[in-house]
């Protein structure tokens, strides 16, 4: 097992960090990891963290539903129900913000979104590093899925690139974004969905907030820091949209994390509702957000 420590903030490049939280990986390893915050721009990230060669073991769970459609249990069934309802919305959003043509789904998991896009008339390509998920996606989509080689695609060839809860997993954040943006056509659209560390449910659960998901989640974005990161790559956020079901799903996982103090389903529903209601009344800081960005 090898670990690495970031010496510079991936967003602003500064080197002064403060400790924010210590969070336990309750789903796989039961190890604890520190989350630090850049004192200059406020970006939060897991530091130190397993390096790219070592991170795979932290995904080795039959319950990791985005890599295994057969994952069982109540929480995973809830995930699948939410996926059923959100898939149509994702395709509708894609059709609204991008010209229909070629799409790359980076971190496509088991391929459900790509299959929905293909059925809607899009030409689809996917990238997925997990062998099990990649095999399932290949079968579902009916074409090969790349393991992690962005060089396999022609520059400036995609009308849209999507990352649904993927960017927080990427080790080389800036280089990956640079490569992905290079694959977009000049008027192409980048869609990124990530958890929001400034959400009310994140503040409520603190170290038990399931969307920290250390060490698999290497970065913990807010609207400010993700906007700043995209600006660094000459991309401008056009629209920020809520993912309202995430407040309930993340609350369900978070209650499991703090089971000795949790109150079950009623607490999940109450926390999810209050998180969404507070975000709607105040500042739009929903549990997860989808960012639509284009070149400046």
Protein backbone atom coordinates (compact mmCIF):
# COMPACT_ATOMS: atom_id res chain seq x y z
CA UNK A 1 0.00 0.00 0.00
CA UNK A 2 1.43 3.36 -1.07
CA UNK A 3 0.19 6.79 -0.08
CA UNK A 4 0.78 10.21 -1.56
CA UNK A 5 0.47 13.71 -0.14
CA UNK A 6 -0.49 16.76 -2.17
CA UNK A 7 1.82 19.68 -1.50
CA UNK A 8 -0.13 22.19 -3.62
CA UNK A 9 -3.83 22.92 -3.80
CA UNK A 10 -5.16 21.55 -7.12
CA UNK A 11 -7.41 24.60 -7.55
CA UNK A 12 -5.22 27.60 -6.69
CA UNK A 13 -1.73 26.13 -6.34
CA UNK A 14 -1.14 27.48 -2.82
CA UNK A 15 0.60 25.34 -0.17
CA UNK A 16 -1.01 26.30 3.16
CA UNK A 17 -3.66 23.87 4.40
CA UNK A 18 -5.55 23.43 7.66
CA UNK A 19 -7.04 20.24 9.03
CA UNK A 20 -10.80 20.13 8.50
CA UNK A 21 -12.02 16.67 9.57
CA UNK A 22 -10.92 13.11 10.15
CA UNK A 23 -13.31 10.70 8.44
CA UNK A 24 -13.49 6.93 8.70
CA UNK A 25 -13.95 4.67 5.69
CA UNK A 26 -16.87 2.71 7.06
CA UNK A 27 -17.72 0.85 3.87
CA UNK A 28 -14.49 -1.06 3.11
CA UNK A 29 -11.34 -0.59 5.19
CA UNK A 30 -12.36 1.10 8.48
CA UNK A 31 -9.23 3.26 8.11
CA UNK A 32 -9.37 6.96 8.94
CA UNK A 33 -8.34 9.72 6.53
CA UNK A 34 -7.76 13.44 7.00
CA UNK A 35 -9.58 16.06 4.98
CA UNK A 36 -7.69 19.33 4.69
CA UNK A 37 -8.80 22.74 3.46
CA UNK A 38 -6.74 25.22 1.48
CA UNK A 39 -6.52 28.44 3.49
CA UNK A 40 -6.37 30.50 0.28
CA UNK A 41 -9.33 29.26 -1.80
CA UNK A 42 -11.20 26.98 0.62
CA UNK A 43 -10.91 23.82 -1.48
CA UNK A 44 -11.17 20.61 0.56
CA UNK A 45 -9.44 17.35 -0.30
CA UNK A 46 -8.36 14.04 1.22
CA UNK A 47 -4.68 14.34 2.14
CA UNK A 48 -2.70 12.10 2.30
CA UNK A 49 -4.48 9.50 0.20
CA UNK A 50 -3.75 6.13 -1.48
CA UNK A 51 -1.92 6.63 -4.76
CA UNK A 52 -3.45 5.62 -8.09
CA UNK A 53 -1.81 2.19 -7.98
CA UNK A 54 -3.19 1.43 -4.51
CA UNK A 55 -6.72 2.89 -4.58
CA UNK A 56 -8.29 -0.16 -6.23
CA UNK A 57 -8.58 -2.17 -3.03
CA UNK A 58 -10.88 0.50 -1.57
CA UNK A 59 -13.44 -0.25 -4.29
CA UNK A 60 -13.38 -4.00 -3.67
CA UNK A 61 -16.86 -4.45 -2.29
CA UNK A 62 -19.81 -6.33 -3.76
CA UNK A 63 -21.99 -3.58 -2.32
CA UNK A 64 -20.38 -0.83 -4.42
CA UNK A 65 -23.49 -0.45 -6.56
CA UNK A 66 -22.14 1.85 -9.28
CA UNK A 67 -19.68 -0.92 -10.20
CA UNK A 68 -22.08 -3.83 -9.70
CA UNK A 69 -25.74 -3.78 -10.78
CA UNK A 70 -26.35 -6.99 -8.82
CA UNK A 71 -25.51 -5.35 -5.46
CA UNK A 72 -28.21 -6.14 -2.93
CA UNK A 73 -29.57 -4.61 0.26
CA UNK A 74 -32.07 -1.87 1.08
CA UNK A 75 -29.70 1.05 0.42
CA UNK A 76 -28.63 -0.32 -2.93
CA UNK A 77 -32.24 -0.93 -3.91
CA UNK A 78 -32.93 2.72 -3.04
CA UNK A 79 -30.01 3.71 -5.28
CA UNK A 80 -31.46 1.73 -8.18
CA UNK A 81 -34.90 3.28 -7.74
CA UNK A 82 -33.36 6.76 -7.69
CA UNK A 83 -31.32 5.88 -10.79
CA UNK A 84 -34.51 4.86 -12.61
CA UNK A 85 -36.11 8.25 -11.97
CA UNK A 86 -33.02 10.37 -12.60
CA UNK A 87 -31.91 8.71 -15.85
CA UNK A 88 -34.67 10.33 -17.88
CA UNK A 89 -33.89 13.72 -16.33
CA UNK A 90 -30.21 13.37 -17.19
CA UNK A 91 -30.97 12.62 -20.83
CA UNK A 92 -33.48 15.49 -20.96
CA UNK A 93 -30.85 17.86 -19.53
CA UNK A 94 -28.30 16.63 -22.06
CA UNK A 95 -30.71 17.26 -24.94
CA UNK A 96 -31.45 20.73 -23.60
CA UNK A 97 -27.88 22.00 -23.16
CA UNK A 98 -25.97 20.22 -25.96
CA UNK A 99 -26.37 19.64 -29.68
CA UNK A 100 -27.23 15.99 -30.25
CA UNK A 101 -24.29 14.07 -31.66
CA UNK A 102 -21.39 12.33 -29.91
CA UNK A 103 -21.18 11.94 -26.15
CA UNK A 104 -18.42 10.62 -23.89
CA UNK A 105 -19.44 9.48 -20.41
CA UNK A 106 -16.26 9.49 -18.33
CA UNK A 107 -16.55 7.00 -15.47
CA UNK A 108 -19.63 5.41 -17.02
CA UNK A 109 -19.97 2.67 -14.38
CA UNK A 110 -22.27 -0.11 -15.54
CA UNK A 111 -23.42 1.89 -18.57
CA UNK A 112 -27.03 2.74 -17.74
CA UNK A 113 -26.72 6.40 -18.75
CA UNK A 114 -24.92 5.58 -22.00
CA UNK A 115 -27.60 3.03 -22.87
CA UNK A 116 -30.29 5.65 -22.28
CA UNK A 117 -28.41 8.15 -24.47
CA UNK A 118 -27.98 5.58 -27.23
CA UNK A 119 -31.70 4.84 -27.16
CA UNK A 120 -32.28 8.59 -27.51
CA UNK A 121 -30.20 8.84 -30.68
CA UNK A 122 -26.77 9.82 -29.35
CA UNK A 123 -23.52 8.28 -30.59
CA UNK A 124 -21.97 7.02 -27.36
CA UNK A 125 -18.50 6.33 -25.99
CA UNK A 126 -17.51 5.50 -22.44
CA UNK A 127 -14.53 5.23 -20.11
CA UNK A 128 -14.62 3.05 -16.99
CA UNK A 129 -11.55 1.80 -15.05
CA UNK A 130 -13.36 -0.92 -13.07
CA UNK A 131 -13.07 -4.23 -14.99
CA UNK A 132 -16.35 -5.58 -13.62
CA UNK A 133 -18.32 -2.41 -14.35
CA UNK A 134 -16.65 -2.04 -17.75
CA UNK A 135 -17.63 -5.56 -18.79
CA UNK A 136 -21.23 -4.91 -17.77
CA UNK A 137 -21.29 -1.54 -19.55
CA UNK A 138 -19.85 -3.08 -22.73
CA UNK A 139 -22.62 -5.66 -22.73
CA UNK A 140 -25.34 -3.11 -21.94
CA UNK A 141 -24.21 -0.53 -24.51
CA UNK A 142 -23.21 -3.03 -27.18
CA UNK A 143 -19.76 -1.60 -27.87
CA UNK A 144 -16.34 -1.63 -26.18
CA UNK A 145 -15.75 0.73 -23.24
CA UNK A 146 -12.26 2.19 -22.75
CA UNK A 147 -10.42 1.40 -19.51
CA UNK A 148 -8.83 4.84 -19.02
CA UNK A 149 -7.16 5.87 -22.27
CA UNK A 150 -8.40 9.28 -23.33
CA UNK A 151 -5.80 9.23 -26.10
CA UNK A 152 -8.00 6.69 -27.89
CA UNK A 153 -10.39 9.48 -28.89
CA UNK A 154 -9.99 12.16 -31.53
CA UNK A 155 -9.42 15.72 -30.21
CA UNK A 156 -12.37 18.10 -30.52
CA UNK A 157 -14.72 15.26 -31.43
CA UNK A 158 -17.44 15.25 -28.76
CA UNK A 159 -20.54 17.42 -28.53
CA UNK A 160 -20.88 16.59 -24.84
CA UNK A 161 -18.81 15.01 -22.08
CA UNK A 162 -20.41 13.95 -18.81
CA UNK A 163 -19.01 13.04 -15.40
CA UNK A 164 -21.76 11.86 -13.06
CA UNK A 165 -20.23 11.71 -9.57
CA UNK A 166 -16.82 10.92 -11.04
CA UNK A 167 -14.59 14.00 -10.81
CA UNK A 168 -14.17 13.54 -7.06
CA UNK A 169 -12.51 10.14 -7.74
CA UNK A 170 -9.88 11.32 -10.25
CA UNK A 171 -6.29 11.36 -8.99
CA UNK A 172 -4.78 13.78 -11.52
CA UNK A 173 -7.53 16.36 -11.43
CA UNK A 174 -6.07 19.07 -13.65
CA UNK A 175 -4.52 16.81 -16.27
CA UNK A 176 -7.73 14.81 -16.62
CA UNK A 177 -9.80 17.97 -17.05
CA UNK A 178 -7.31 19.30 -19.58
CA UNK A 179 -7.57 16.10 -21.62
CA UNK A 180 -11.35 15.96 -21.42
CA UNK A 181 -11.80 19.58 -22.46
CA UNK A 182 -9.44 18.92 -25.36
CA UNK A 183 -11.87 16.24 -26.58
CA UNK A 184 -14.79 18.70 -26.70
CA UNK A 185 -15.78 20.44 -29.89
CA UNK A 186 -15.35 24.25 -29.65
CA UNK A 187 -19.05 24.65 -28.79
CA UNK A 188 -19.20 21.41 -26.79
CA UNK A 189 -20.76 21.04 -23.35
CA UNK A 190 -19.21 19.67 -20.17
CA UNK A 191 -21.61 18.33 -17.53
CA UNK A 192 -20.22 17.55 -14.07
CA UNK A 193 -22.20 16.28 -11.07
CA UNK A 194 -20.51 16.19 -7.66
CA UNK A 195 -21.50 16.23 -3.97
CA UNK A 196 -21.62 19.67 -2.37
CA UNK A 197 -19.58 20.06 0.80
CA UNK A 198 -21.47 23.29 1.61
CA UNK A 199 -24.87 21.56 1.71
CA UNK A 200 -26.99 21.53 4.88
CA UNK A 201 -26.75 17.73 5.15
CA UNK A 202 -22.94 17.94 4.99
CA UNK A 203 -23.01 20.43 7.86
CA UNK A 204 -25.49 18.27 9.79
CA UNK A 205 -23.60 14.97 9.55
CA UNK A 206 -20.04 16.36 9.54
CA UNK A 207 -17.55 13.43 9.70
CA UNK A 208 -20.44 10.97 9.20
CA UNK A 209 -21.57 12.61 5.94
CA UNK A 210 -21.55 9.70 3.51
CA UNK A 211 -20.60 11.84 0.52
CA UNK A 212 -17.11 12.32 1.97
CA UNK A 213 -16.68 8.61 1.11
CA UNK A 214 -12.94 8.60 1.87
CA UNK A 215 -10.59 7.58 0.39
CA UNK A 216 -12.54 6.95 -2.82
CA UNK A 217 -13.56 10.62 -2.89
CA UNK A 218 -10.29 12.48 -3.19
CA UNK A 219 -11.85 15.97 -3.52
CA UNK A 220 -14.79 17.64 -1.82
CA UNK A 221 -16.21 20.42 -3.97
CA UNK A 222 -18.34 23.48 -3.27
CA UNK A 223 -19.91 25.68 -5.97
CA UNK A 224 -17.16 28.23 -5.39
CA UNK A 225 -14.23 25.82 -5.73
CA UNK A 226 -15.60 23.89 -8.70
CA UNK A 227 -16.38 27.11 -10.53
CA UNK A 228 -12.85 28.33 -9.81
CA UNK A 229 -11.36 25.06 -11.02
CA UNK A 230 -13.28 25.20 -14.30
CA UNK A 231 -12.38 28.85 -14.78
CA UNK A 232 -8.72 27.82 -14.49
CA UNK A 233 -9.34 25.59 -17.51
CA UNK A 234 -11.12 28.38 -19.42
CA UNK A 235 -14.56 26.88 -18.87
CA UNK A 236 -17.51 28.92 -17.63
CA UNK A 237 -20.38 27.49 -15.61
CA UNK A 238 -23.59 28.28 -17.51
CA UNK A 239 -26.04 26.62 -15.16
CA UNK A 240 -26.07 24.90 -11.76
CA UNK A 241 -28.87 22.43 -11.09
CA UNK A 242 -29.92 20.52 -7.95
CA UNK A 243 -29.93 16.74 -7.60
CA UNK A 244 -32.68 16.65 -5.02
CA UNK A 245 -32.93 12.90 -4.48
CA UNK A 246 -29.29 12.85 -3.36
CA UNK A 247 -30.20 14.56 -0.08
CA UNK A 248 -32.32 11.54 0.86
CA UNK A 249 -29.92 8.90 -0.43
CA UNK A 250 -26.88 10.50 1.22
CA UNK A 251 -28.84 10.94 4.45
CA UNK A 252 -29.73 7.25 4.38
CA UNK A 253 -26.06 6.32 4.03
CA UNK A 254 -25.04 8.87 6.67
CA UNK A 255 -27.52 7.47 9.18
CA UNK A 256 -25.98 4.06 8.58
CA UNK A 257 -22.55 5.61 9.31
CA UNK A 258 -23.73 6.87 12.68
CA UNK A 259 -26.09 3.99 13.41
CA UNK A 260 -25.48 4.10 17.14
CA UNK A 261 -27.06 7.58 17.22
CA UNK A 262 -29.41 7.46 14.24
CA UNK A 263 -33.19 7.20 14.35
CA UNK A 264 -33.86 5.36 11.09
CA UNK A 265 -36.13 6.17 8.16
CA UNK A 266 -37.93 9.13 9.73
CA UNK A 267 -34.60 10.83 10.39
CA UNK A 268 -33.54 10.19 6.79
CA UNK A 269 -36.73 11.71 5.39
CA UNK A 270 -36.62 14.66 7.77
CA UNK A 271 -32.95 15.44 7.13
CA UNK A 272 -33.29 15.10 3.35
CA UNK A 273 -36.36 17.31 3.29
CA UNK A 274 -34.79 20.01 5.47
CA UNK A 275 -31.59 19.96 3.42
CA UNK A 276 -33.50 20.55 0.18
CA UNK A 277 -35.84 23.12 1.75
CA UNK A 278 -32.99 25.11 3.26
CA UNK A 279 -31.07 25.07 -0.03
CA UNK A 280 -34.17 26.28 -1.89
CA UNK A 281 -34.82 29.12 0.59
CA UNK A 282 -31.27 30.35 0.94
CA UNK A 283 -28.34 29.76 -1.38
CA UNK A 284 -28.99 26.77 -3.66
CA UNK A 285 -26.50 24.58 -1.80
CA UNK A 286 -28.20 21.25 -2.46
CA UNK A 287 -26.61 17.96 -1.38
CA UNK A 288 -25.32 17.37 -4.93
CA UNK A 289 -25.19 19.75 -7.85
CA UNK A 290 -24.90 19.38 -11.60
CA UNK A 291 -22.77 21.99 -13.36
CA UNK A 292 -23.19 22.75 -17.07
CA UNK A 293 -20.09 24.42 -18.49
CA UNK A 294 -18.88 25.66 -21.87
CA UNK A 295 -15.72 27.31 -23.11
CA UNK A 296 -15.42 31.02 -22.41
